[in-house]
C-alpha atoms as a PDB file:
ATOM      1  CA  UNK A   1       2.393 -10.380  27.247  1.00  0.00           C
ATOM      2  CA  UNK A   2      -1.194  -9.254  26.878  1.00  0.00           C
ATOM      3  CA  UNK A   3      -3.144 -11.845  24.900  1.00  0.00           C
ATOM      4  CA  UNK A   4      -6.698 -11.351  23.639  1.00  0.00           C
ATOM      5  CA  UNK A   5      -8.401 -14.389  22.081  1.00  0.00           C
ATOM      6  CA  UNK A   6     -11.754 -14.102  20.344  1.00  0.00           C
ATOM      7  CA  UNK A   7     -13.833 -16.692  18.540  1.00  0.00           C
ATOM      8  CA  UNK A   8     -16.374 -16.140  15.785  1.00  0.00           C
ATOM      9  CA  UNK A   9     -18.995 -18.789  14.995  1.00  0.00           C
ATOM     10  CA  UNK A  10     -17.692 -21.080  17.769  1.00  0.00           C
ATOM     11  CA  UNK A  11     -16.582 -21.136  21.396  1.00  0.00           C
ATOM     12  CA  UNK A  12     -12.844 -21.303  22.034  1.00  0.00           C
ATOM     13  CA  UNK A  13     -12.038 -24.305  24.240  1.00  0.00           C
ATOM     14  CA  UNK A  14      -9.669 -24.126  27.198  1.00  0.00           C
ATOM     15  CA  UNK A  15      -7.305 -26.559  25.456  1.00  0.00           C
ATOM     16  CA  UNK A  16      -7.129 -24.293  22.407  1.00  0.00           C
ATOM     17  CA  UNK A  17      -6.588 -21.209  24.616  1.00  0.00           C
ATOM     18  CA  UNK A  18      -3.717 -22.989  26.387  1.00  0.00           C
ATOM     19  CA  UNK A  19      -2.187 -23.997  23.050  1.00  0.00           C
ATOM     20  CA  UNK A  20      -2.402 -20.406  21.800  1.00  0.00           C
ATOM     21  CA  UNK A  21      -0.815 -19.051  25.001  1.00  0.00           C
ATOM     22  CA  UNK A  22       2.070 -21.525  24.852  1.00  0.00           C
ATOM     23  CA  UNK A  23       2.720 -20.961  21.128  1.00  0.00           C
ATOM     24  CA  UNK A  24       2.747 -17.168  21.375  1.00  0.00           C
ATOM     25  CA  UNK A  25       4.881 -17.207  24.547  1.00  0.00           C
ATOM     26  CA  UNK A  26       7.919 -17.833  22.318  1.00  0.00           C
ATOM     27  CA  UNK A  27       7.782 -14.198  21.182  1.00  0.00           C
ATOM     28  CA  UNK A  28       8.366 -12.852  24.703  1.00  0.00           C
ATOM     29  CA  UNK A  29      12.099 -13.467  24.323  1.00  0.00           C
ATOM     30  CA  UNK A  30      12.172 -11.091  21.330  1.00  0.00           C
ATOM     31  CA  UNK A  31      10.725  -8.018  23.035  1.00  0.00           C
ATOM     32  CA  UNK A  32      11.664  -6.235  26.253  1.00  0.00           C
ATOM     33  CA  UNK A  33       8.535  -4.079  26.447  1.00  0.00           C
ATOM     34  CA  UNK A  34       4.997  -5.326  26.947  1.00  0.00           C
ATOM     35  CA  UNK A  35       3.545  -6.745  23.761  1.00  0.00           C
ATOM     36  CA  UNK A  36      -0.089  -7.111  22.877  1.00  0.00           C
ATOM     37  CA  UNK A  37      -1.317 -10.006  20.772  1.00  0.00           C
ATOM     38  CA  UNK A  38      -4.825 -10.199  19.369  1.00  0.00           C
ATOM     39  CA  UNK A  39      -5.862 -13.593  18.033  1.00  0.00           C
ATOM     40  CA  UNK A  40      -9.153 -13.938  16.160  1.00  0.00           C
ATOM     41  CA  UNK A  41     -10.379 -17.467  15.453  1.00  0.00           C
ATOM     42  CA  UNK A  42     -13.171 -18.095  12.974  1.00  0.00           C
ATOM     43  CA  UNK A  43     -14.928 -21.111  11.535  1.00  0.00           C
ATOM     44  CA  UNK A  44     -16.490 -20.871   8.076  1.00  0.00           C
ATOM     45  CA  UNK A  45     -17.882 -24.116   6.715  1.00  0.00           C
ATOM     46  CA  UNK A  46     -14.834 -26.458   6.671  1.00  0.00           C
ATOM     47  CA  UNK A  47     -12.292 -23.644   6.986  1.00  0.00           C
ATOM     48  CA  UNK A  48     -10.551 -22.818  10.270  1.00  0.00           C
ATOM     49  CA  UNK A  49      -9.181 -19.261  10.126  1.00  0.00           C
ATOM     50  CA  UNK A  50      -6.698 -17.677  12.551  1.00  0.00           C
ATOM     51  CA  UNK A  51      -5.779 -14.020  12.265  1.00  0.00           C
ATOM     52  CA  UNK A  52      -3.157 -12.600  14.639  1.00  0.00           C
ATOM     53  CA  UNK A  53      -1.771  -9.130  15.254  1.00  0.00           C
ATOM     54  CA  UNK A  54       1.320  -8.632  17.411  1.00  0.00           C
ATOM     55  CA  UNK A  55       1.822  -5.035  18.578  1.00  0.00           C
ATOM     56  CA  UNK A  56       4.766  -3.658  20.530  1.00  0.00           C
ATOM     57  CA  UNK A  57       5.762   0.028  20.712  1.00  0.00           C
ATOM     58  CA  UNK A  58       3.863   0.940  17.565  1.00  0.00           C
ATOM     59  CA  UNK A  59       5.216  -1.963  15.516  1.00  0.00           C
ATOM     60  CA  UNK A  60       2.438  -4.152  14.101  1.00  0.00           C
ATOM     61  CA  UNK A  61       3.092  -7.611  12.727  1.00  0.00           C
ATOM     62  CA  UNK A  62       0.107  -9.442  11.262  1.00  0.00           C
ATOM     63  CA  UNK A  63      -0.405 -12.974  10.024  1.00  0.00           C
ATOM     64  CA  UNK A  64      -3.394 -14.994   8.874  1.00  0.00           C
ATOM     65  CA  UNK A  65      -3.754 -18.689   8.109  1.00  0.00           C
ATOM     66  CA  UNK A  66      -6.549 -20.947   6.886  1.00  0.00           C
ATOM     67  CA  UNK A  67      -6.658 -24.719   7.357  1.00  0.00           C
ATOM     68  CA  UNK A  68      -9.056 -27.599   7.923  1.00  0.00           C
ATOM     69  CA  UNK A  69      -7.639 -27.973  11.462  1.00  0.00           C
ATOM     70  CA  UNK A  70      -7.411 -25.109  13.965  1.00  0.00           C
ATOM     71  CA  UNK A  71      -4.193 -26.436  15.537  1.00  0.00           C
ATOM     72  CA  UNK A  72      -2.520 -26.676  12.117  1.00  0.00           C
ATOM     73  CA  UNK A  73      -3.578 -23.113  11.344  1.00  0.00           C
ATOM     74  CA  UNK A  74      -2.202 -22.058  14.749  1.00  0.00           C
ATOM     75  CA  UNK A  75       1.193 -23.625  14.040  1.00  0.00           C
ATOM     76  CA  UNK A  76       1.332 -21.962  10.629  1.00  0.00           C
ATOM     77  CA  UNK A  77       0.360 -18.502  11.873  1.00  0.00           C
ATOM     78  CA  UNK A  78       2.988 -18.614  14.646  1.00  0.00           C
ATOM     79  CA  UNK A  79       5.630 -19.735  12.138  1.00  0.00           C
ATOM     80  CA  UNK A  80       4.589 -16.935   9.786  1.00  0.00           C
ATOM     81  CA  UNK A  81       4.942 -14.324  12.557  1.00  0.00           C
ATOM     82  CA  UNK A  82       8.370 -15.696  13.506  1.00  0.00           C
ATOM     83  CA  UNK A  83       9.472 -15.514   9.864  1.00  0.00           C
ATOM     84  CA  UNK A  84       8.271 -11.920   9.570  1.00  0.00           C
ATOM     85  CA  UNK A  85      10.164 -10.916  12.724  1.00  0.00           C
ATOM     86  CA  UNK A  86      13.270 -12.634  11.369  1.00  0.00           C
ATOM     87  CA  UNK A  87      12.911 -11.130   7.901  1.00  0.00           C
ATOM     88  CA  UNK A  88      12.473  -7.581   9.147  1.00  0.00           C
ATOM     89  CA  UNK A  89      15.118  -7.803  11.857  1.00  0.00           C
ATOM     90  CA  UNK A  90      17.564  -5.549  10.013  1.00  0.00           C
ATOM     91  CA  UNK A  91      14.864  -3.040   9.140  1.00  0.00           C
ATOM     92  CA  UNK A  92      13.754  -2.959  12.772  1.00  0.00           C
ATOM     93  CA  UNK A  93      17.378  -2.578  13.906  1.00  0.00           C
ATOM     94  CA  UNK A  94      17.767   0.481  11.697  1.00  0.00           C
ATOM     95  CA  UNK A  95      14.536   1.987  13.029  1.00  0.00           C
ATOM     96  CA  UNK A  96      15.337   1.278  16.700  1.00  0.00           C
ATOM     97  CA  UNK A  97      19.065   1.922  16.921  1.00  0.00           C
ATOM     98  CA  UNK A  98      19.067   1.938  20.734  1.00  0.00           C
ATOM     99  CA  UNK A  99      17.873  -1.707  20.968  1.00  0.00           C
ATOM    100  CA  UNK A 100      15.723  -0.949  24.014  1.00  0.00           C
ATOM    101  CA  UNK A 101      12.550  -2.422  22.594  1.00  0.00           C
ATOM    102  CA  UNK A 102      13.642  -5.508  20.714  1.00  0.00           C
ATOM    103  CA  UNK A 103      16.123  -8.154  21.828  1.00  0.00           C
ATOM    104  CA  UNK A 104      17.821  -8.638  18.496  1.00  0.00           C
ATOM    105  CA  UNK A 105      20.287 -11.156  19.870  1.00  0.00           C
ATOM    106  CA  UNK A 106      17.316 -13.526  20.317  1.00  0.00           C
ATOM    107  CA  UNK A 107      16.026 -13.054  16.755  1.00  0.00           C
ATOM    108  CA  UNK A 108      17.708 -15.452  14.318  1.00  0.00           C
ATOM    109  CA  UNK A 109      19.365 -14.025  11.195  1.00  0.00           C
ATOM    110  CA  UNK A 110      17.441 -14.151   7.955  1.00  0.00           C
ATOM    111  CA  UNK A 111      19.491 -15.814   5.238  1.00  0.00           C
ATOM    112  CA  UNK A 112      17.799 -14.453   2.116  1.00  0.00           C
ATOM    113  CA  UNK A 113      19.315 -11.472   0.306  1.00  0.00           C
ATOM    114  CA  UNK A 114      17.462  -8.296   1.178  1.00  0.00           C
ATOM    115  CA  UNK A 115      16.464  -6.274  -1.878  1.00  0.00           C
ATOM    116  CA  UNK A 116      16.342  -2.524  -1.765  1.00  0.00           C
ATOM    117  CA  UNK A 117      12.880  -1.043  -1.844  1.00  0.00           C
ATOM    118  CA  UNK A 118      12.354   0.609  -5.202  1.00  0.00           C
ATOM    119  CA  UNK A 119       9.454   2.927  -5.939  1.00  0.00           C
ATOM    120  CA  UNK A 120       8.720   2.541  -9.636  1.00  0.00           C
ATOM    121  CA  UNK A 121       5.724   4.837  -9.989  1.00  0.00           C
ATOM    122  CA  UNK A 122       4.468   7.995  -8.321  1.00  0.00           C
ATOM    123  CA  UNK A 123       0.875   9.150  -8.590  1.00  0.00           C
ATOM    124  CA  UNK A 124      -0.442  12.600  -7.801  1.00  0.00           C
ATOM    125  CA  UNK A 125      -4.101  13.436  -7.476  1.00  0.00           C
ATOM    126  CA  UNK A 126      -6.387  16.090  -6.070  1.00  0.00           C
ATOM    127  CA  UNK A 127      -7.777  15.177  -2.674  1.00  0.00           C
ATOM    128  CA  UNK A 128     -11.240  16.538  -2.027  1.00  0.00           C
ATOM    129  CA  UNK A 129     -13.072  16.187   1.273  1.00  0.00           C
ATOM    130  CA  UNK A 130     -15.660  13.396   1.264  1.00  0.00           C
ATOM    131  CA  UNK A 131     -17.368  10.904   3.538  1.00  0.00           C
ATOM    132  CA  UNK A 132     -16.120   7.338   3.975  1.00  0.00           C
ATOM    133  CA  UNK A 133     -19.110   6.069   1.968  1.00  0.00           C
ATOM    134  CA  UNK A 134     -18.229   8.383  -0.940  1.00  0.00           C
ATOM    135  CA  UNK A 135     -14.639   7.167  -0.765  1.00  0.00           C
ATOM    136  CA  UNK A 136     -15.784   3.536  -1.003  1.00  0.00           C
ATOM    137  CA  UNK A 137     -17.861   4.396  -4.075  1.00  0.00           C
ATOM    138  CA  UNK A 138     -14.884   6.197  -5.630  1.00  0.00           C
ATOM    139  CA  UNK A 139     -12.628   3.226  -4.864  1.00  0.00           C
ATOM    140  CA  UNK A 140     -15.100   0.856  -6.535  1.00  0.00           C
ATOM    141  CA  UNK A 141     -15.377   3.126  -9.579  1.00  0.00           C
ATOM    142  CA  UNK A 142     -11.588   3.099  -9.943  1.00  0.00           C
ATOM    143  CA  UNK A 143     -11.371  -0.671  -9.421  1.00  0.00           C
ATOM    144  CA  UNK A 144      -8.808  -0.311  -6.632  1.00  0.00           C
ATOM    145  CA  UNK A 145      -8.644  -2.170  -3.324  1.00  0.00           C
ATOM    146  CA  UNK A 146      -7.853   0.976  -1.281  1.00  0.00           C
ATOM    147  CA  UNK A 147      -8.484   4.699  -1.557  1.00  0.00           C
ATOM    148  CA  UNK A 148      -6.868   7.678   0.226  1.00  0.00           C
ATOM    149  CA  UNK A 149      -9.127  10.649   0.936  1.00  0.00           C
ATOM    150  CA  UNK A 150      -9.660  13.635   3.221  1.00  0.00           C
ATOM    151  CA  UNK A 151     -12.476  12.936   5.653  1.00  0.00           C
ATOM    152  CA  UNK A 152     -15.020  15.764   5.405  1.00  0.00           C
ATOM    153  CA  UNK A 153     -15.992  15.388   9.073  1.00  0.00           C
ATOM    154  CA  UNK A 154     -12.507  15.359  10.624  1.00  0.00           C
ATOM    155  CA  UNK A 155     -10.458  17.075   7.858  1.00  0.00           C
ATOM    156  CA  UNK A 156      -7.780  14.359   8.215  1.00  0.00           C
ATOM    157  CA  UNK A 157      -6.382  11.861   5.736  1.00  0.00           C
ATOM    158  CA  UNK A 158      -8.115   8.475   5.903  1.00  0.00           C
ATOM    159  CA  UNK A 159      -7.887   5.272   3.905  1.00  0.00           C
ATOM    160  CA  UNK A 160     -10.731   2.936   2.993  1.00  0.00           C
ATOM    161  CA  UNK A 161      -9.847  -0.560   1.848  1.00  0.00           C
ATOM    162  CA  UNK A 162     -11.550  -3.734   0.690  1.00  0.00           C
ATOM    163  CA  UNK A 163     -11.106  -6.721   3.002  1.00  0.00           C
ATOM    164  CA  UNK A 164     -10.752 -10.314   1.834  1.00  0.00           C
ATOM    165  CA  UNK A 165     -14.285 -11.126   2.977  1.00  0.00           C
ATOM    166  CA  UNK A 166     -15.701  -8.419   0.679  1.00  0.00           C
ATOM    167  CA  UNK A 167     -16.317  -5.969   3.524  1.00  0.00           C
ATOM    168  CA  UNK A 168     -14.676  -2.568   3.855  1.00  0.00           C
ATOM    169  CA  UNK A 169     -12.262  -1.137   6.379  1.00  0.00           C
ATOM    170  CA  UNK A 170     -11.394   2.423   7.371  1.00  0.00           C
ATOM    171  CA  UNK A 171      -7.998   3.572   8.612  1.00  0.00           C
ATOM    172  CA  UNK A 172      -7.990   6.748  10.687  1.00  0.00           C
ATOM    173  CA  UNK A 173      -4.853   8.374  12.088  1.00  0.00           C
ATOM    174  CA  UNK A 174      -4.254   8.695  15.822  1.00  0.00           C
ATOM    175  CA  UNK A 175      -1.888  11.229  17.273  1.00  0.00           C
END
């Protein structure tokens, strides 16, 4: 397990680092291959924010929690990741039929009825090359929280999106 812990607006104590390591160690039994976990801790006024991203063989599982106590937020974010792994167990099994990456026998069964994914609307639009800044302006004009465009510099499809903090993100493909 490769664990990266970063703190914003405060210094992460050794006790908190140890708690994070022990909590996330429970996911090692689910995956055979090396997994990478990025944990970002942030303090904003009275809010303690933990954002985590678990990555293994191209599968990304993300969770975020906010609380008045960092340890409470840690417990919640770990529980949320465990629930997501459990919920998507059958979808992951279908994607990885060989079972070399994920130890499904260790993942508990999810009891809720799985609904079929249903696409209810399809949109088609002309994609013109533009810069990321132009795409953000177009997204704002449309009132959307994401926008797909062709990057004029790279000639590849990119996505700009609005983050919860009001900032913007850019998704670029890697091959």
